[in-house]
Protein backbone atom coordinates (compact mmCIF):
# COMPACT_ATOMS: atom_id res chain seq x y z
CA MET A 1 -18.87 11.55 15.51
CA THR A 2 -16.11 10.32 14.00
CA LEU A 3 -12.40 10.55 15.77
CA LEU A 4 -11.34 13.23 12.56
CA GLN A 5 -14.81 15.57 14.03
CA GLU A 6 -13.37 15.34 17.20
CA SER A 7 -9.84 16.10 16.30
CA ARG A 8 -10.90 19.01 14.50
CA GLU A 9 -12.70 20.41 17.63
CA GLY A 10 -9.43 20.55 19.27
CA LEU A 11 -6.18 22.35 18.90
CA LYS A 12 -4.49 22.04 15.41
CA TRP A 13 -1.18 21.41 15.23
CA SER A 14 1.59 21.85 12.44
CA PRO A 15 3.92 18.48 12.65
CA ILE A 16 7.31 17.54 11.80
CA ILE A 17 6.98 14.07 9.00
CA PHE A 18 9.86 12.21 8.16
CA THR A 19 9.16 9.73 5.18
CA THR A 20 10.93 6.50 4.55
CA GLY A 21 11.14 5.49 0.94
CA GLY A 22 10.21 9.05 -0.15
CA GLU A 23 11.65 8.26 -3.72
CA GLY A 24 9.37 5.27 -4.62
CA LEU A 25 5.93 4.65 -6.65
CA VAL A 26 3.97 5.80 -3.36
CA GLY A 27 6.40 7.90 -1.35
CA SER A 28 7.19 10.68 -4.00
CA ARG A 29 3.48 10.95 -4.84
CA PHE A 30 2.26 11.34 -0.76
CA HIS A 31 5.14 13.78 -0.64
CA LYS A 32 4.50 16.22 -3.37
CA LEU A 33 1.23 16.37 -2.26
CA ILE A 34 1.75 16.63 1.29
CA SER A 35 4.24 19.40 1.01
CA GLN A 36 1.56 21.85 -0.60
CA GLU A 37 -0.32 21.81 3.39
CA TYR A 38 2.50 21.57 5.66
CA ALA A 39 5.77 22.68 5.38
CA GLN A 40 7.81 20.63 7.64
CA VAL A 41 7.87 17.53 5.37
CA THR A 42 11.08 15.56 4.59
CA SER A 43 11.59 12.89 2.37
CA THR A 44 14.46 10.09 2.62
CA ASP A 45 15.66 7.24 0.79
CA ILE A 46 18.46 4.83 1.26
CA ASP A 47 21.19 6.94 0.34
CA LYS A 48 20.41 8.74 3.34
CA ILE A 49 19.31 6.39 6.26
CA ASP A 50 19.78 2.69 6.24
CA ILE A 51 16.88 1.67 7.88
CA THR A 52 18.72 -1.91 8.44
CA ASP A 53 21.24 -0.49 10.89
CA GLY A 54 19.28 0.38 14.13
CA GLU A 55 22.10 2.45 15.35
CA ALA A 56 21.72 4.75 12.24
CA VAL A 57 18.02 4.86 12.54
CA ASN A 58 17.74 5.69 16.36
CA HIS A 59 20.56 8.38 16.03
CA TRP A 60 18.98 10.14 12.48
CA ILE A 61 15.62 10.27 14.50
CA GLU A 62 16.99 10.99 17.66
CA LYS A 63 18.96 14.12 15.61
CA TYR A 64 16.03 15.55 13.75
CA ARG A 65 13.00 14.68 16.70
CA PRO A 66 10.29 14.16 14.03
CA ASP A 67 6.61 14.19 15.17
CA VAL A 68 5.42 11.37 12.56
CA LEU A 69 7.88 9.11 10.86
CA ILE A 70 6.06 6.99 7.71
CA ASN A 71 7.04 4.02 6.38
CA PHE A 72 7.10 3.68 2.80
CA SER A 73 10.54 1.65 2.53
CA ALA A 74 10.01 -1.90 1.05
CA MET A 75 11.39 -4.51 -1.23
CA THR A 76 8.41 -5.43 -3.54
CA ASP A 77 9.58 -6.84 -6.37
CA VAL A 78 7.80 -10.39 -5.77
CA ARG A 79 9.32 -12.46 -7.97
CA ALA A 80 12.38 -11.79 -7.23
CA ILE A 81 11.94 -11.83 -3.58
CA GLU A 82 10.57 -15.40 -3.81
CA LYS A 83 14.18 -16.61 -4.46
CA GLU A 84 15.24 -15.24 -1.33
CA ARG A 85 12.79 -17.82 0.62
CA GLY A 86 14.15 -18.54 4.03
CA ASN A 87 16.68 -16.32 3.83
CA LEU A 88 17.07 -14.12 7.13
CA ASP A 89 19.99 -12.26 5.82
CA GLY A 90 17.98 -11.86 2.34
CA GLY A 91 17.15 -7.97 1.62
CA ALA A 92 13.83 -8.64 1.64
CA TRP A 93 13.18 -9.82 5.18
CA ARG A 94 16.40 -7.16 6.46
CA VAL A 95 14.36 -4.05 4.97
CA ASN A 96 10.37 -5.43 5.08
CA ALA A 97 10.66 -6.95 8.40
CA LEU A 98 13.99 -6.27 10.60
CA GLY A 99 13.92 -2.31 8.90
CA ALA A 100 10.03 -2.08 10.53
CA GLU A 101 11.77 -3.21 13.72
CA ASN A 102 14.37 -0.75 13.86
CA LEU A 103 11.78 2.27 13.08
CA ALA A 104 9.39 1.21 15.51
CA GLU A 105 12.17 0.88 18.19
CA ALA A 106 13.21 4.19 17.34
CA CYS A 107 10.01 6.22 17.15
CA LEU A 108 8.82 4.26 20.33
CA THR A 109 12.61 5.74 22.36
CA ASN A 110 11.94 9.20 20.73
CA LYS A 111 7.87 9.45 21.09
CA ALA A 112 7.16 9.46 17.28
CA PHE A 113 4.23 8.63 15.33
CA LEU A 114 4.69 5.61 13.08
CA ILE A 115 2.58 5.00 10.65
CA HIS A 116 3.77 1.42 8.70
CA ILE A 117 2.45 0.91 5.11
CA SER A 118 2.14 -2.88 4.98
CA THR A 119 0.05 -4.91 2.49
CA ASP A 120 -2.67 -7.43 1.29
CA PHE A 121 0.34 -9.69 0.73
CA VAL A 122 0.53 -11.12 4.46
CA PHE A 123 -2.97 -12.54 4.16
CA PRO A 124 -3.58 -16.15 2.90
CA GLY A 125 -2.35 -16.71 -0.99
CA TYR A 126 -4.31 -18.87 -3.34
CA PRO A 127 -6.02 -21.27 -2.89
CA ALA A 128 -6.65 -20.25 0.52
CA VAL A 129 -9.63 -17.62 0.85
CA PRO A 130 -11.56 -16.44 4.22
CA GLU A 131 -15.44 -17.64 4.25
CA ALA A 132 -17.00 -13.83 3.22
CA GLY A 133 -14.13 -13.57 0.45
CA LEU A 134 -12.57 -10.51 1.84
CA PHE A 135 -10.30 -9.54 4.10
CA ALA A 136 -11.22 -7.03 6.89
CA GLU A 137 -8.71 -4.77 8.63
CA ASP A 138 -9.20 -7.38 11.85
CA ALA A 139 -9.17 -10.03 9.61
CA GLU A 140 -6.45 -12.98 10.82
CA VAL A 141 -2.88 -12.87 9.01
CA ALA A 142 -0.63 -15.61 7.52
CA GLN A 143 0.26 -18.09 10.23
CA SER A 144 2.94 -19.41 8.34
CA PRO A 145 5.48 -18.53 5.35
CA ASP A 146 3.95 -21.48 3.43
CA GLU A 147 0.91 -19.57 3.07
CA VAL A 148 2.02 -16.82 1.20
CA SER A 149 5.03 -15.43 -0.65
CA TRP A 150 8.20 -15.11 0.89
CA TYR A 151 7.35 -11.07 -0.04
CA GLY A 152 4.37 -11.30 1.92
CA TRP A 153 5.88 -13.26 4.72
CA THR A 154 8.52 -10.43 5.43
CA LYS A 155 5.57 -8.09 5.50
CA ARG A 156 3.13 -10.03 8.19
CA GLU A 157 6.26 -10.02 9.81
CA GLY A 158 7.40 -6.64 9.39
CA GLU A 159 3.64 -6.04 10.75
CA ARG A 160 4.06 -8.34 13.32
CA LEU A 161 7.82 -6.59 14.73
CA VAL A 162 6.18 -3.07 15.09
CA GLN A 163 3.42 -4.26 17.17
CA GLU A 164 5.44 -6.26 19.17
CA LYS A 165 7.71 -3.00 19.87
CA MET A 166 4.99 -0.57 19.96
CA ARG A 167 2.91 -2.64 22.87
CA ARG A 168 5.29 -0.97 24.91
CA GLY A 169 3.30 2.37 24.81
CA GLY A 170 4.30 3.41 21.50
CA GLU A 171 1.95 5.27 19.29
CA TYR A 172 1.33 3.87 15.75
CA VAL A 173 -0.73 2.95 12.75
CA ILE A 174 -0.43 0.22 10.51
CA VAL A 175 -2.03 0.71 6.67
CA ARG A 176 -2.08 -1.69 4.13
CA ILE A 177 -2.45 -0.61 0.48
CA THR A 178 -3.00 -3.16 -2.78
CA ARG A 179 -1.88 -2.45 -6.26
CA PRO A 180 -1.13 1.42 -5.73
CA ILE A 181 -1.60 3.56 -8.67
CA ARG A 182 -1.03 7.29 -9.59
CA ALA A 183 -1.26 9.35 -13.20
CA GLU A 184 2.49 9.77 -13.60
CA PHE A 185 5.78 8.19 -12.45
CA GLU A 186 8.64 6.89 -14.33
CA ARG A 187 8.29 3.11 -13.21
CA ASP A 188 4.77 1.40 -13.90
CA ASP A 189 2.08 0.59 -11.59
CA PHE A 190 -0.83 -1.35 -11.53
CA ALA A 191 -3.28 0.04 -14.10
CA ARG A 192 -0.34 1.98 -16.31
CA ASN A 193 1.23 -1.17 -16.65
CA ILE A 194 -2.04 -3.38 -18.10
CA LEU A 195 -2.38 -0.37 -20.58
CA LYS A 196 1.23 -0.71 -21.58
CA LEU A 197 0.96 -4.21 -22.14
CA TYR A 198 -2.42 -4.23 -24.03
CA SER A 199 -1.02 -1.45 -26.15
CA GLU A 200 1.90 -3.83 -26.89
CA GLY A 201 0.06 -6.81 -27.57
CA ARG A 202 1.67 -8.39 -24.81
CA LEU A 203 -0.92 -8.64 -21.96
CA TYR A 204 -1.36 -11.67 -20.31
CA PRO A 205 -4.39 -13.56 -19.63
CA MET A 206 -6.32 -11.91 -16.56
CA MET A 207 -7.92 -13.39 -13.83
CA ASN A 208 -11.19 -14.30 -13.57
CA ASP A 209 -11.80 -14.73 -9.91
CA MET A 210 -9.12 -12.72 -8.03
CA SER A 211 -10.04 -9.59 -6.20
CA ALA A 212 -8.76 -5.70 -7.30
CA SER A 213 -9.27 -3.68 -4.57
CA PRO A 214 -6.69 -0.87 -5.77
CA THR A 215 -5.23 1.90 -3.67
CA TYR A 216 -5.25 5.35 -5.18
CA ILE A 217 -1.98 7.30 -4.13
CA ASP A 218 -3.87 10.67 -4.32
CA GLU A 219 -6.50 9.21 -1.87
CA LEU A 220 -4.28 7.14 0.26
CA THR A 221 -2.45 10.69 0.79
CA GLU A 222 -5.51 12.14 1.93
CA ALA A 223 -6.26 9.44 4.53
CA LEU A 224 -2.73 9.69 5.93
CA LYS A 225 -3.30 13.49 6.61
CA ARG A 226 -6.70 12.80 8.33
CA LEU A 227 -4.76 10.13 10.62
CA ILE A 228 -1.72 12.81 11.54
CA GLN A 229 -4.90 15.16 12.63
CA ILE A 230 -6.52 12.37 14.66
CA ARG A 231 -3.44 11.27 16.06
CA GLN A 232 -4.47 11.54 19.67
CA PRO A 233 -8.04 9.93 20.04
CA LEU A 234 -6.10 7.06 17.91
CA PHE A 235 -4.08 5.89 20.28
CA PHE A 236 -6.80 5.09 22.58
CA SER A 237 -8.02 2.45 20.46
CA GLN A 238 -7.68 -1.32 20.62
CA PRO A 239 -4.21 -2.79 18.95
CA ASP A 240 -6.65 -4.62 16.29
CA GLN A 241 -8.39 -1.40 15.61
CA ARG A 242 -4.58 0.32 14.45
CA ILE A 243 -4.69 -1.49 11.60
CA LEU A 244 -6.86 0.38 8.46
CA HIS A 245 -7.20 -0.30 4.58
CA VAL A 246 -7.02 1.94 2.26
CA VAL A 247 -8.36 0.63 -1.31
CA SER A 248 -11.36 0.88 -3.07
CA CYS A 249 -14.58 1.24 -1.88
CA ASP A 250 -15.70 -2.14 -3.79
CA GLN A 251 -14.40 -4.82 -5.90
CA MET A 252 -13.52 -6.11 -9.26
CA THR A 253 -12.17 -9.18 -10.95
CA ILE A 254 -8.64 -8.49 -12.32
CA PHE A 255 -10.22 -9.35 -15.62
CA ASP A 256 -12.90 -6.91 -15.35
CA TYR A 257 -11.11 -4.06 -13.86
CA SER A 258 -8.81 -4.31 -16.95
CA ASP A 259 -11.39 -4.50 -19.35
CA SER A 260 -13.47 -1.37 -17.92
CA LEU A 261 -9.68 0.10 -17.80
CA ILE A 262 -8.82 -0.55 -21.27
CA ARG A 263 -12.47 0.48 -22.61
CA LYS A 264 -11.83 3.63 -20.60
CA PHE A 265 -8.86 4.61 -22.37
CA THR A 266 -8.63 3.22 -25.98
CA GLY A 267 -12.95 3.93 -26.30
CA LYS A 268 -12.75 0.40 -27.72
CA GLU A 269 -14.24 -3.09 -26.56
CA PRO A 270 -10.77 -4.99 -25.29
CA MET A 271 -9.42 -7.64 -27.05
CA ILE A 272 -8.26 -9.63 -23.48
CA GLU A 273 -8.37 -13.26 -22.07
CA GLY A 274 -9.56 -14.58 -19.03
CA VAL A 275 -7.83 -17.26 -16.92
CA MET A 276 -9.17 -19.15 -13.43
CA MET A 277 -6.71 -19.07 -10.63
CA LYS A 278 -6.83 -23.12 -10.49
CA ASP A 279 -5.90 -23.12 -13.86
CA PHE A 280 -3.57 -20.65 -13.80
CA TYR A 281 -1.83 -22.76 -10.68
CA GLU A 282 -1.72 -26.00 -12.79
CA GLN A 283 0.32 -24.07 -15.65
CA HIS A 284 2.15 -22.66 -13.68
CA PRO A 285 3.16 -24.90 -10.09
CA ASN A 286 5.81 -22.95 -8.80
CA MET A 287 4.52 -19.51 -9.24
CA TYR A 288 4.29 -17.80 -5.61
CA LYS A 289 0.87 -17.78 -3.62
CA LEU A 290 -1.00 -14.53 -4.71
CA PRO A 291 -3.85 -13.30 -2.47
CA LYS A 292 -6.78 -14.39 -3.89
CA ALA A 293 -9.47 -12.15 -1.63
CA GLY A 294 -9.63 -8.37 -1.76
CA LEU A 295 -9.31 -6.01 1.24
CA LEU A 296 -12.33 -4.74 3.04
CA SER A 297 -12.16 -0.75 4.37
CA ASP A 298 -15.41 -0.31 5.90
CA TYR A 299 -13.82 0.36 9.62
CA THR A 300 -11.38 2.25 7.93
CA GLN A 301 -13.44 4.67 5.90
CA LYS A 302 -15.68 5.00 9.12
CA LEU A 303 -12.52 5.92 11.23
CA LEU A 304 -11.16 8.69 8.96
CA GLY A 305 -14.68 9.88 7.88
CA MET A 306 -13.84 8.91 4.14
CA ARG A 307 -15.31 7.31 1.47
CA PHE A 308 -13.19 5.84 -1.04
CA MET A 309 -13.20 5.80 -4.45
CA SER A 310 -14.67 2.67 -6.26
CA CYS A 311 -12.87 0.78 -8.90
CA ARG A 312 -14.32 2.43 -11.71
CA GLU A 313 -14.17 6.13 -9.84
CA GLN A 314 -10.39 5.16 -9.80
CA ILE A 315 -10.28 4.60 -13.62
CA GLU A 316 -12.53 7.66 -14.11
CA GLU A 317 -9.96 9.80 -12.20
CA LEU A 318 -6.88 8.21 -13.86
CA TYR A 319 -8.14 9.44 -17.09
CA ARG A 320 -9.21 12.70 -15.85
CA GLN A 321 -5.58 13.57 -14.65
CA ARG A 322 -3.46 11.66 -17.22
CA GLU A 323 -5.52 13.98 -19.44
CA ALA A 324 -4.92 17.00 -17.63
CA LEU A 325 -1.25 16.51 -17.83
CA GLY A 326 -1.44 15.97 -22.01
CA LEU A 327 -0.69 12.40 -21.38
CA ILE A 328 -3.48 10.98 -23.67
CA VAL A 329 -3.36 12.46 -27.47
CA SER A 330 -5.21 10.07 -28.46
CA ARG A 331 -7.94 7.29 -27.69
CA ASP A 332 -5.44 4.24 -28.55
CA PRO A 333 -3.44 2.49 -26.36
CA VAL A 334 -0.36 3.09 -27.85
CA PHE A 335 -0.22 6.26 -26.61
CA VAL A 336 -1.63 6.10 -22.88
CA SER A 337 2.12 4.27 -21.48
């Protein structure tokens, strides 16, 4: 019996849910979907609460007393963040690391369940790769900022600080996602950016040896709903079991994913170039470190009683949703951005 099945035999509860970063790509979609089921959901962003201000965060949580707080807040512009490398006063460090610590401290003090959203960038970037080629939920993260992008290091430290605070008795889980996608948003995501660049004739060579295991945000929402419901049993798990991966159930290379995506949306054989990471880095020696391996999610799927979509199923679902929204009027890439 899964923890979810066990929890369903117990008392259902209607929690007060707060989110930070609620207006972003991931948080806004979560909020729209979750509000259909839970009445007490509050979305916040930087204009409402500055998570880098520990005193303000504690006051805010103490005042509103949420049962669950989901931290979607993050600075994610990897290229721009790389310019802050080593700067502990920089925005990325303050939001991704110290902000996460502030939320953990406030949740610990006020007995709120913290779900902290993290990323695959916490694992060593190219050329490092685990023997199995993929990172499981309990795999070792980067041990030095030299192994990852600065964005990845700030998120890795955010994870560490959350764990350190919560070891004093806090209720938490860390959920890693990668390349989140959704059918519609004002800003392009991983899949829609590929389609847009292809339609404009500007698609750069796609990696032949880098794994893709995107997160479909609708599926992430369902996973988070289940986490909220299995809250109590989860708290008795070991610390390394409180890290989950919500990504596709399989892996494709970036090249193959792009090929399948463009083929589905255009109905034609794509004209795209491929490149090996070794060659790419020889051409771009100053490029920040990209994670080469993908994420495994076997433990997470078992815990939540879910089967995540495959990469191809994600592409099919993305097409179906965009078609239902009237966003596909022709099988030509110029109409899909």
